Amino acid sequence: MRVLITGAEGQLGRVVRSGFGTHEVIAPSEAELDICDRRQVEDALDQARPDLLLNAAAYTDVDGAESDPEAAFAGNARGPGILAVATEQRGIPILHLSTDYVFDGEAGRPYDERDETGPCTVYGRSKLEGEGAVRHANPRHFVVRTAWLYAAQGRNFPLTMLELSERPEVRVVNDQFGSPTFAPHLAAGLLELVEAGSWGTYHLAGRGVASWHEFASALYRELGIETPVRPVPTSEFPRPAKRPRFSALTTVQEPRILLPPWEEGLRAFAAAIS
């Protein structure tokens, strides 16, 4: 199978490039393939002739989206729509990555694929619109929602916590809950999903639920870091975009692909950076 990846230089894109086994991966840079440029998209597809397009490109600045919705909707909705139309015209399936932020976080339990969406941020609304654009344009689609993604490189929560560990104390919110997801585990799940070949919407995230405080505390314990991690409410860190209070994900969609527990992902992360 030949896979064309958009957003190949991002955190997930880099992991997928090395995590799709023996499959041929084509990974143009953002300068070579802007998903909002219809001509570039069409040319890339015609040259690569992939068996699958995997869209890992996205506008990911949750707070920045509040003041620049045009950029958020371009990267998260218009671009995926262009990809979906172009792939459908060429008979190519598309795998599109989405987010737990399409939910408002008020259910108080993990969300599965049947739950009603209701994003509370510009970022979440742009991602939800992108999902709809992909579904509408290309029936041969995988829409995959994930959450709290991190890897051993890039910009993410665990690496930020490591940078802060030199402080006398680290304060971390304890009233936001989600599903921490180690990117290599997600990449393996995506490959399993693609090889199963059943179109639809799926949730793939680290199994279980943690608060940011629990996640940071477990990270420090795993790495033997003795810096105290003090739990604080979200109100101590006011941000432009409201974060979902409880946006953990679970899955009921067949084939029901379960990623490892988030604690296992954290141990794998710790081993990767040691």
C-alpha atoms as a PDB file:
ATOM      1  CA  MET A   1       0.000   0.000   0.000  1.00  0.00           C
ATOM      2  CA  ARG A   2       1.224   3.490  -0.898  1.00  0.00           C
ATOM      3  CA  VAL A   3       0.253   6.149   1.668  1.00  0.00           C
ATOM      4  CA  LEU A   4       0.457   9.895   1.086  1.00  0.00           C
ATOM      5  CA  ILE A   5       0.691  11.810   4.377  1.00  0.00           C
ATOM      6  CA  THR A   6      -0.191  15.470   4.727  1.00  0.00           C
ATOM      7  CA  GLY A   7       1.206  17.218   7.777  1.00  0.00           C
ATOM      8  CA  ALA A   8       4.145  14.830   7.618  1.00  0.00           C
ATOM      9  CA  GLU A   9       6.426  17.165   9.560  1.00  0.00           C
ATOM     10  CA  GLY A  10       4.093  17.394  12.539  1.00  0.00           C
ATOM     11  CA  GLN A  11       4.182  15.328  15.713  1.00  0.00           C
ATOM     12  CA  LEU A  12       1.903  12.548  14.449  1.00  0.00           C
ATOM     13  CA  GLY A  13       3.074  12.748  10.861  1.00  0.00           C
ATOM     14  CA  ARG A  14       6.661  12.015  11.856  1.00  0.00           C
ATOM     15  CA  VAL A  15       5.577   9.004  13.893  1.00  0.00           C
ATOM     16  CA  VAL A  16       3.339   7.622  11.151  1.00  0.00           C
ATOM     17  CA  ARG A  17       6.170   7.931   8.636  1.00  0.00           C
ATOM     18  CA  SER A  18       8.129   5.338  10.609  1.00  0.00           C
ATOM     19  CA  GLY A  19       5.190   3.395  12.015  1.00  0.00           C
ATOM     20  CA  PHE A  20       3.410   2.098   8.937  1.00  0.00           C
ATOM     21  CA  GLY A  21       5.540  -1.003   8.667  1.00  0.00           C
ATOM     22  CA  THR A  22       6.410  -2.192   5.191  1.00  0.00           C
ATOM     23  CA  HIS A  23       3.959   0.150   3.456  1.00  0.00           C
ATOM     24  CA  GLU A  24       5.375   2.819   1.162  1.00  0.00           C
ATOM     25  CA  VAL A  25       4.990   6.274   2.705  1.00  0.00           C
ATOM     26  CA  ILE A  26       5.155   9.498   0.706  1.00  0.00           C
ATOM     27  CA  ALA A  27       5.649  12.482   2.999  1.00  0.00           C
ATOM     28  CA  PRO A  28       5.841  15.904   1.312  1.00  0.00           C
ATOM     29  CA  SER A  29       6.653  18.948   3.416  1.00  0.00           C
ATOM     30  CA  GLU A  30       4.098  21.689   4.040  1.00  0.00           C
ATOM     31  CA  ALA A  31       5.927  23.867   1.523  1.00  0.00           C
ATOM     32  CA  GLU A  32       5.511  21.129  -1.077  1.00  0.00           C
ATOM     33  CA  LEU A  33       1.875  20.387  -0.251  1.00  0.00           C
ATOM     34  CA  ASP A  34      -0.443  23.017   1.220  1.00  0.00           C
ATOM     35  CA  ILE A  35      -3.784  21.297   1.816  1.00  0.00           C
ATOM     36  CA  CYS A  36      -5.611  24.572   1.195  1.00  0.00           C
ATOM     37  CA  ASP A  37      -4.138  24.815  -2.319  1.00  0.00           C
ATOM     38  CA  ARG A  38      -6.396  22.774  -4.581  1.00  0.00           C
ATOM     39  CA  ARG A  39      -3.895  22.650  -7.434  1.00  0.00           C
ATOM     40  CA  GLN A  40      -1.079  21.441  -5.173  1.00  0.00           C
ATOM     41  CA  VAL A  41      -3.364  18.768  -3.732  1.00  0.00           C
ATOM     42  CA  GLU A  42      -4.459  17.530  -7.140  1.00  0.00           C
ATOM     43  CA  ASP A  43      -0.899  17.516  -8.500  1.00  0.00           C
ATOM     44  CA  ALA A  44       0.390  15.625  -5.443  1.00  0.00           C
ATOM     45  CA  LEU A  45      -2.293  12.970  -5.788  1.00  0.00           C
ATOM     46  CA  ASP A  46      -1.728  12.586  -9.521  1.00  0.00           C
ATOM     47  CA  GLN A  47       2.024  12.242  -9.065  1.00  0.00           C
ATOM     48  CA  ALA A  48       1.973   9.924  -6.045  1.00  0.00           C
ATOM     49  CA  ARG A  49      -1.082   7.856  -7.003  1.00  0.00           C
ATOM     50  CA  PRO A  50      -1.505   6.671  -3.403  1.00  0.00           C
ATOM     51  CA  ASP A  51      -3.775   3.916  -2.176  1.00  0.00           C
ATOM     52  CA  LEU A  52      -4.642   6.083   0.843  1.00  0.00           C
ATOM     53  CA  LEU A  53      -4.329   9.717   1.855  1.00  0.00           C
ATOM     54  CA  LEU A  54      -3.722  10.219   5.576  1.00  0.00           C
ATOM     55  CA  ASN A  55      -4.414  13.785   6.669  1.00  0.00           C
ATOM     56  CA  ALA A  56      -2.387  14.701   9.742  1.00  0.00           C
ATOM     57  CA  ALA A  57      -2.242  18.394   8.791  1.00  0.00           C
ATOM     58  CA  ALA A  58      -4.149  20.740  11.081  1.00  0.00           C
ATOM     59  CA  TYR A  59      -4.276  24.131  12.731  1.00  0.00           C
ATOM     60  CA  THR A  60      -3.630  23.161  16.357  1.00  0.00           C
ATOM     61  CA  ASP A  61      -3.325  26.473  18.249  1.00  0.00           C
ATOM     62  CA  VAL A  62      -6.437  26.147  20.406  1.00  0.00           C
ATOM     63  CA  ASP A  63      -6.083  29.591  21.975  1.00  0.00           C
ATOM     64  CA  GLY A  64      -4.913  31.256  18.777  1.00  0.00           C
ATOM     65  CA  ALA A  65      -8.041  30.043  16.988  1.00  0.00           C
ATOM     66  CA  GLU A  66     -10.187  32.295  19.188  1.00  0.00           C
ATOM     67  CA  SER A  67      -8.579  35.411  17.709  1.00  0.00           C
ATOM     68  CA  ASP A  68      -7.914  33.984  14.224  1.00  0.00           C
ATOM     69  CA  PRO A  69     -10.893  31.805  13.288  1.00  0.00           C
ATOM     70  CA  GLU A  70     -10.169  32.262   9.580  1.00  0.00           C
ATOM     71  CA  ALA A  71      -6.855  30.413   9.921  1.00  0.00           C
ATOM     72  CA  ALA A  72      -8.428  27.696  12.058  1.00  0.00           C
ATOM     73  CA  PHE A  73     -11.261  27.005   9.620  1.00  0.00           C
ATOM     74  CA  ALA A  74      -8.863  27.104   6.663  1.00  0.00           C
ATOM     75  CA  GLY A  75      -6.555  24.472   8.140  1.00  0.00           C
ATOM     76  CA  ASN A  76      -9.177  22.339   9.854  1.00  0.00           C
ATOM     77  CA  ALA A  77     -12.208  22.564   7.560  1.00  0.00           C
ATOM     78  CA  ARG A  78     -11.526  24.032   4.118  1.00  0.00           C
ATOM     79  CA  GLY A  79      -8.279  22.096   3.629  1.00  0.00           C
ATOM     80  CA  PRO A  80      -9.739  18.711   4.598  1.00  0.00           C
ATOM     81  CA  GLY A  81     -12.688  19.424   2.317  1.00  0.00           C
ATOM     82  CA  ILE A  82     -10.320  19.995  -0.601  1.00  0.00           C
ATOM     83  CA  LEU A  83      -8.513  16.746   0.207  1.00  0.00           C
ATOM     84  CA  ALA A  84     -11.771  14.810   0.417  1.00  0.00           C
ATOM     85  CA  VAL A  85     -13.086  16.083  -2.924  1.00  0.00           C
ATOM     86  CA  ALA A  86      -9.798  15.439  -4.708  1.00  0.00           C
ATOM     87  CA  THR A  87      -9.418  11.923  -3.298  1.00  0.00           C
ATOM     88  CA  GLU A  88     -13.028  10.991  -4.069  1.00  0.00           C
ATOM     89  CA  GLN A  89     -12.601  12.113  -7.678  1.00  0.00           C
ATOM     90  CA  ARG A  90      -9.639   9.744  -7.978  1.00  0.00           C
ATOM     91  CA  GLY A  91     -11.144   6.805  -6.080  1.00  0.00           C
ATOM     92  CA  ILE A  92      -8.721   7.175  -3.163  1.00  0.00           C
ATOM     93  CA  PRO A  93      -9.781   6.598   0.474  1.00  0.00           C
ATOM     94  CA  ILE A  94      -8.985   9.287   3.036  1.00  0.00           C
ATOM     95  CA  LEU A  95      -8.090   8.986   6.709  1.00  0.00           C
ATOM     96  CA  HIS A  96      -8.688  12.251   8.550  1.00  0.00           C
ATOM     97  CA  LEU A  97      -7.592  13.002  12.121  1.00  0.00           C
ATOM     98  CA  SER A  98      -9.929  14.855  14.458  1.00  0.00           C
ATOM     99  CA  THR A  99     -10.130  15.621  18.165  1.00  0.00           C
ATOM    100  CA  ASP A 100     -11.923  15.213  21.487  1.00  0.00           C
ATOM    101  CA  TYR A 101     -12.589  18.971  21.346  1.00  0.00           C
ATOM    102  CA  VAL A 102     -15.633  18.323  19.131  1.00  0.00           C
ATOM    103  CA  PHE A 103     -17.375  17.534  22.461  1.00  0.00           C
ATOM    104  CA  ASP A 104     -18.252  20.086  25.134  1.00  0.00           C
ATOM    105  CA  GLY A 105     -16.897  17.940  27.976  1.00  0.00           C
ATOM    106  CA  GLU A 106     -20.014  18.148  30.119  1.00  0.00           C
ATOM    107  CA  ALA A 107     -21.183  14.520  29.927  1.00  0.00           C
ATOM    108  CA  GLY A 108     -19.018  13.469  32.879  1.00  0.00           C
ATOM    109  CA  ARG A 109     -18.054  10.188  31.211  1.00  0.00           C
ATOM    110  CA  PRO A 110     -15.965   9.094  28.223  1.00  0.00           C
ATOM    111  CA  TYR A 111     -17.484   9.876  24.835  1.00  0.00           C
ATOM    112  CA  ASP A 112     -18.004   7.188  22.215  1.00  0.00           C
ATOM    113  CA  GLU A 113     -18.723   7.511  18.504  1.00  0.00           C
ATOM    114  CA  ARG A 114     -22.511   7.652  19.013  1.00  0.00           C
ATOM    115  CA  ASP A 115     -22.452  10.713  21.261  1.00  0.00           C
ATOM    116  CA  GLU A 116     -23.719  14.080  20.113  1.00  0.00           C
ATOM    117  CA  THR A 117     -21.031  16.629  19.409  1.00  0.00           C
ATOM    118  CA  GLY A 118     -21.080  20.200  20.714  1.00  0.00           C
ATOM    119  CA  PRO A 119     -17.735  22.000  20.594  1.00  0.00           C
ATOM    120  CA  CYS A 120     -17.245  24.984  22.885  1.00  0.00           C
ATOM    121  CA  THR A 121     -14.254  26.560  21.102  1.00  0.00           C
ATOM    122  CA  VAL A 122     -13.438  27.907  17.645  1.00  0.00           C
ATOM    123  CA  TYR A 123     -10.845  25.156  17.327  1.00  0.00           C
ATOM    124  CA  GLY A 124     -13.412  22.471  18.133  1.00  0.00           C
ATOM    125  CA  ARG A 125     -15.961  23.935  15.723  1.00  0.00           C
ATOM    126  CA  SER A 126     -13.391  24.077  12.940  1.00  0.00           C
ATOM    127  CA  LYS A 127     -12.444  20.430  13.506  1.00  0.00           C
ATOM    128  CA  LEU A 128     -16.097  19.365  13.534  1.00  0.00           C
ATOM    129  CA  GLU A 129     -16.713  21.202  10.264  1.00  0.00           C
ATOM    130  CA  GLY A 130     -13.696  19.413   8.804  1.00  0.00           C
ATOM    131  CA  GLU A 131     -15.147  16.050   9.808  1.00  0.00           C
ATOM    132  CA  GLY A 132     -18.379  16.924   8.037  1.00  0.00           C
ATOM    133  CA  ALA A 133     -16.568  18.057   4.905  1.00  0.00           C
ATOM    134  CA  VAL A 134     -14.680  14.768   4.689  1.00  0.00           C
ATOM    135  CA  ARG A 135     -17.780  12.630   5.266  1.00  0.00           C
ATOM    136  CA  HIS A 136     -19.823  14.584   2.729  1.00  0.00           C
ATOM    137  CA  ALA A 137     -17.249  14.555  -0.062  1.00  0.00           C
ATOM    138  CA  ASN A 138     -15.712  11.086   0.163  1.00  0.00           C
ATOM    139  CA  PRO A 139     -17.753   8.073   1.316  1.00  0.00           C
ATOM    140  CA  ARG A 140     -14.545   6.014   1.554  1.00  0.00           C
ATOM    141  CA  HIS A 141     -13.352   7.735   4.694  1.00  0.00           C
ATOM    142  CA  PHE A 142     -11.963   7.058   8.130  1.00  0.00           C
ATOM    143  CA  VAL A 143     -12.561   9.947  10.536  1.00  0.00           C
ATOM    144  CA  VAL A 144     -10.475   9.271  13.629  1.00  0.00           C
ATOM    145  CA  ARG A 145     -10.821  11.298  16.814  1.00  0.00           C
ATOM    146  CA  THR A 146      -7.970  11.180  19.283  1.00  0.00           C
ATOM    147  CA  ALA A 147      -7.013  13.106  22.425  1.00  0.00           C
ATOM    148  CA  TRP A 148      -4.087  14.559  24.397  1.00  0.00           C
ATOM    149  CA  LEU A 149      -1.563  13.381  21.826  1.00  0.00           C
ATOM    150  CA  TYR A 150       2.147  13.335  22.638  1.00  0.00           C
ATOM    151  CA  ALA A 151       5.395  11.829  21.376  1.00  0.00           C
ATOM    152  CA  ALA A 152       9.073  11.808  22.290  1.00  0.00           C
ATOM    153  CA  GLN A 153       9.621  14.835  20.054  1.00  0.00           C
ATOM    154  CA  GLY A 154       7.693  17.960  19.128  1.00  0.00           C
ATOM    155  CA  ARG A 155       5.676  20.246  21.389  1.00  0.00           C
ATOM    156  CA  ASN A 156       3.437  18.467  23.878  1.00  0.00           C
ATOM    157  CA  PHE A 157       2.439  18.302  27.525  1.00  0.00           C
ATOM    158  CA  PRO A 158       4.975  15.727  28.847  1.00  0.00           C
ATOM    159  CA  LEU A 159       7.913  17.497  27.221  1.00  0.00           C
ATOM    160  CA  THR A 160       6.714  20.795  28.666  1.00  0.00           C
ATOM    161  CA  MET A 161       6.488  19.181  32.108  1.00  0.00           C
ATOM    162  CA  LEU A 162      10.079  18.014  31.744  1.00  0.00           C
ATOM    163  CA  GLU A 163      11.181  21.556  30.930  1.00  0.00           C
ATOM    164  CA  LEU A 164       9.385  22.822  34.039  1.00  0.00           C
ATOM    165  CA  SER A 165      10.791  20.155  36.337  1.00  0.00           C
ATOM    166  CA  GLU A 166      13.743  22.377  37.276  1.00  0.00           C
ATOM    167  CA  ARG A 167      11.387  24.671  39.160  1.00  0.00           C
ATOM    168  CA  PRO A 168      10.874  24.300  42.935  1.00  0.00           C
ATOM    169  CA  GLU A 169       7.246  23.359  42.269  1.00  0.00           C
ATOM    170  CA  VAL A 170       5.017  22.746  39.262  1.00  0.00           C
ATOM    171  CA  ARG A 171       1.318  23.635  39.307  1.00  0.00           C
ATOM    172  CA  VAL A 172      -0.978  21.528  37.110  1.00  0.00           C
ATOM    173  CA  VAL A 173      -4.751  21.632  36.743  1.00  0.00           C
ATOM    174  CA  ASN A 174      -6.643  18.765  38.324  1.00  0.00           C
ATOM    175  CA  ASP A 175     -10.176  19.457  37.049  1.00  0.00           C
ATOM    176  CA  GLN A 176      -9.714  18.661  33.343  1.00  0.00           C
ATOM    177  CA  PHE A 177      -9.883  14.988  32.366  1.00  0.00           C
ATOM    178  CA  GLY A 178      -9.001  13.201  29.149  1.00  0.00           C
ATOM    179  CA  SER A 179      -7.279  10.267  27.480  1.00  0.00           C
ATOM    180  CA  PRO A 180      -3.499  10.761  27.086  1.00  0.00           C
ATOM    181  CA  THR A 181      -2.434   9.140  23.808  1.00  0.00           C
ATOM    182  CA  PHE A 182       1.122   8.131  22.909  1.00  0.00           C
ATOM    183  CA  ALA A 183       1.568   8.846  19.197  1.00  0.00           C
ATOM    184  CA  PRO A 184       3.257   5.513  18.298  1.00  0.00           C
ATOM    185  CA  HIS A 185       0.306   3.672  19.857  1.00  0.00           C
ATOM    186  CA  LEU A 186      -2.064   5.778  17.753  1.00  0.00           C
ATOM    187  CA  ALA A 187      -0.040   5.106  14.603  1.00  0.00           C
ATOM    188  CA  ALA A 188      -0.299   1.362  15.234  1.00  0.00           C
ATOM    189  CA  GLY A 189      -4.052   1.701  15.736  1.00  0.00           C
ATOM    190  CA  LEU A 190      -4.416   3.685  12.520  1.00  0.00           C
ATOM    191  CA  LEU A 191      -2.579   0.989  10.588  1.00  0.00           C
ATOM    192  CA  GLU A 192      -4.829  -1.692  12.086  1.00  0.00           C
ATOM    193  CA  LEU A 193      -7.893   0.340  11.148  1.00  0.00           C
ATOM    194  CA  VAL A 194      -6.748   0.917   7.583  1.00  0.00           C
ATOM    195  CA  GLU A 195      -5.960  -2.751   7.080  1.00  0.00           C
ATOM    196  CA  ALA A 196      -9.424  -3.670   8.409  1.00  0.00           C
ATOM    197  CA  GLY A 197     -10.881  -1.418   5.697  1.00  0.00           C
ATOM    198  CA  SER A 198     -14.206  -0.522   7.340  1.00  0.00           C
ATOM    199  CA  TRP A 199     -15.175   3.115   6.651  1.00  0.00           C
ATOM    200  CA  GLY A 200     -16.632   5.318   9.368  1.00  0.00           C
ATOM    201  CA  THR A 201     -15.903   7.418  12.439  1.00  0.00           C
ATOM    202  CA  TYR A 202     -13.672   6.008  15.168  1.00  0.00           C
ATOM    203  CA  HIS A 203     -12.249   6.993  18.524  1.00  0.00           C
ATOM    204  CA  LEU A 204      -8.618   5.956  19.023  1.00  0.00           C
ATOM    205  CA  ALA A 205      -7.073   7.214  22.251  1.00  0.00           C
ATOM    206  CA  GLY A 206      -5.091   5.922  25.187  1.00  0.00           C
ATOM    207  CA  ARG A 207      -7.348   3.688  27.249  1.00  0.00           C
ATOM    208  CA  GLY A 208      -8.536   5.109  30.542  1.00  0.00           C
ATOM    209  CA  VAL A 209      -8.956   8.560  32.043  1.00  0.00           C
ATOM    210  CA  ALA A 210      -6.535  10.943  33.744  1.00  0.00           C
ATOM    211  CA  SER A 211      -6.440  14.545  34.817  1.00  0.00           C
ATOM    212  CA  TRP A 212      -3.538  16.708  33.695  1.00  0.00           C
ATOM    213  CA  HIS A 213      -2.314  16.592  37.295  1.00  0.00           C
ATOM    214  CA  GLU A 214      -2.459  12.794  37.395  1.00  0.00           C
ATOM    215  CA  PHE A 215      -0.659  12.618  34.064  1.00  0.00           C
ATOM    216  CA  ALA A 216       2.145  14.952  35.192  1.00  0.00           C
ATOM    217  CA  SER A 217       2.515  13.218  38.550  1.00  0.00           C
ATOM    218  CA  ALA A 218       2.763   9.792  36.888  1.00  0.00           C
ATOM    219  CA  LEU A 219       5.373  11.151  34.477  1.00  0.00           C
ATOM    220  CA  TYR A 220       7.567  12.458  37.280  1.00  0.00           C
ATOM    221  CA  ARG A 221       7.260   9.200  39.214  1.00  0.00           C
ATOM    222  CA  GLU A 222       8.198   7.181  36.146  1.00  0.00           C
ATOM    223  CA  LEU A 223      11.308   9.294  35.565  1.00  0.00           C
ATOM    224  CA  GLY A 224      12.283   9.622  39.236  1.00  0.00           C
ATOM    225  CA  ILE A 225      11.739  13.394  39.253  1.00  0.00           C
ATOM    226  CA  GLU A 226      11.123  14.665  42.776  1.00  0.00           C
ATOM    227  CA  THR A 227       9.732  18.114  41.916  1.00  0.00           C
ATOM    228  CA  PRO A 228       6.384  18.535  43.697  1.00  0.00           C
ATOM    229  CA  VAL A 229       3.327  18.690  41.425  1.00  0.00           C
ATOM    230  CA  ARG A 230       0.634  20.815  43.053  1.00  0.00           C
ATOM    231  CA  PRO A 231      -2.982  20.364  41.920  1.00  0.00           C
ATOM    232  CA  VAL A 232      -4.782  23.598  41.049  1.00  0.00           C
ATOM    233  CA  PRO A 233      -8.133  24.470  39.457  1.00  0.00           C
ATOM    234  CA  THR A 234      -8.446  25.597  35.849  1.00  0.00           C
ATOM    235  CA  SER A 235      -9.353  29.064  37.112  1.00  0.00           C
ATOM    236  CA  GLU A 236      -5.688  29.592  38.067  1.00  0.00           C
ATOM    237  CA  PHE A 237      -4.725  29.363  34.383  1.00  0.00           C
ATOM    238  CA  PRO A 238      -7.198  31.561  32.459  1.00  0.00           C
ATOM    239  CA  ARG A 239      -6.958  30.962  28.708  1.00  0.00           C
ATOM    240  CA  PRO A 240      -8.706  32.491  25.679  1.00  0.00           C
ATOM    241  CA  ALA A 241     -10.299  29.131  24.777  1.00  0.00           C
ATOM    242  CA  LYS A 242     -12.403  27.158  27.227  1.00  0.00           C
ATOM    243  CA  ARG A 243     -11.125  23.614  27.682  1.00  0.00           C
ATOM    244  CA  PRO A 244     -13.569  20.685  27.856  1.00  0.00           C
ATOM    245  CA  ARG A 245     -13.867  19.575  31.476  1.00  0.00           C
ATOM    246  CA  PHE A 246     -14.123  15.849  30.689  1.00  0.00           C
ATOM    247  CA  SER A 247     -13.271  14.853  27.121  1.00  0.00           C
ATOM    248  CA  ALA A 248     -11.964  11.309  27.527  1.00  0.00           C
ATOM    249  CA  LEU A 249     -12.734   9.027  24.576  1.00  0.00           C
ATOM    250  CA  THR A 250     -13.836   5.427  24.335  1.00  0.00           C
ATOM    251  CA  THR A 251     -14.972   3.294  21.404  1.00  0.00           C
ATOM    252  CA  VAL A 252     -17.896   1.082  20.475  1.00  0.00           C
ATOM    253  CA  GLN A 253     -17.430   1.214  16.694  1.00  0.00           C
ATOM    254  CA  GLU A 254     -16.527  -2.070  14.982  1.00  0.00           C
ATOM    255  CA  PRO A 255     -13.814  -3.045  14.366  1.00  0.00           C
ATOM    256  CA  ARG A 256     -13.328  -2.023  17.985  1.00  0.00           C
ATOM    257  CA  ILE A 257      -9.655  -1.095  18.122  1.00  0.00           C
ATOM    258  CA  LEU A 258      -8.373  -0.533  21.657  1.00  0.00           C
ATOM    259  CA  LEU A 259      -5.117   1.302  22.226  1.00  0.00           C
ATOM    260  CA  PRO A 260      -2.994   0.411  25.264  1.00  0.00           C
ATOM    261  CA  PRO A 261      -3.824   2.054  28.620  1.00  0.00           C
ATOM    262  CA  TRP A 262      -2.492   5.598  28.934  1.00  0.00           C
ATOM    263  CA  GLU A 263      -0.122   4.448  31.694  1.00  0.00           C
ATOM    264  CA  GLU A 264       1.523   2.042  29.246  1.00  0.00           C
ATOM    265  CA  GLY A 265       1.954   4.857  26.760  1.00  0.00           C
ATOM    266  CA  LEU A 266       3.604   6.969  29.434  1.00  0.00           C
ATOM    267  CA  ARG A 267       6.070   4.182  30.258  1.00  0.00           C
ATOM    268  CA  ALA A 268       6.911   3.836  26.551  1.00  0.00           C
ATOM    269  CA  PHE A 269       7.441   7.591  26.337  1.00  0.00           C
ATOM    270  CA  ALA A 270       9.755   7.543  29.342  1.00  0.00           C
ATOM    271  CA  ALA A 271      11.790   4.729  27.807  1.00  0.00           C
ATOM    272  CA  ALA A 272      12.005   6.594  24.482  1.00  0.00           C
ATOM    273  CA  ILE A 273      13.483   9.743  26.022  1.00  0.00           C
ATOM    274  CA  SER A 274      15.813   7.994  28.482  1.00  0.00           C
END
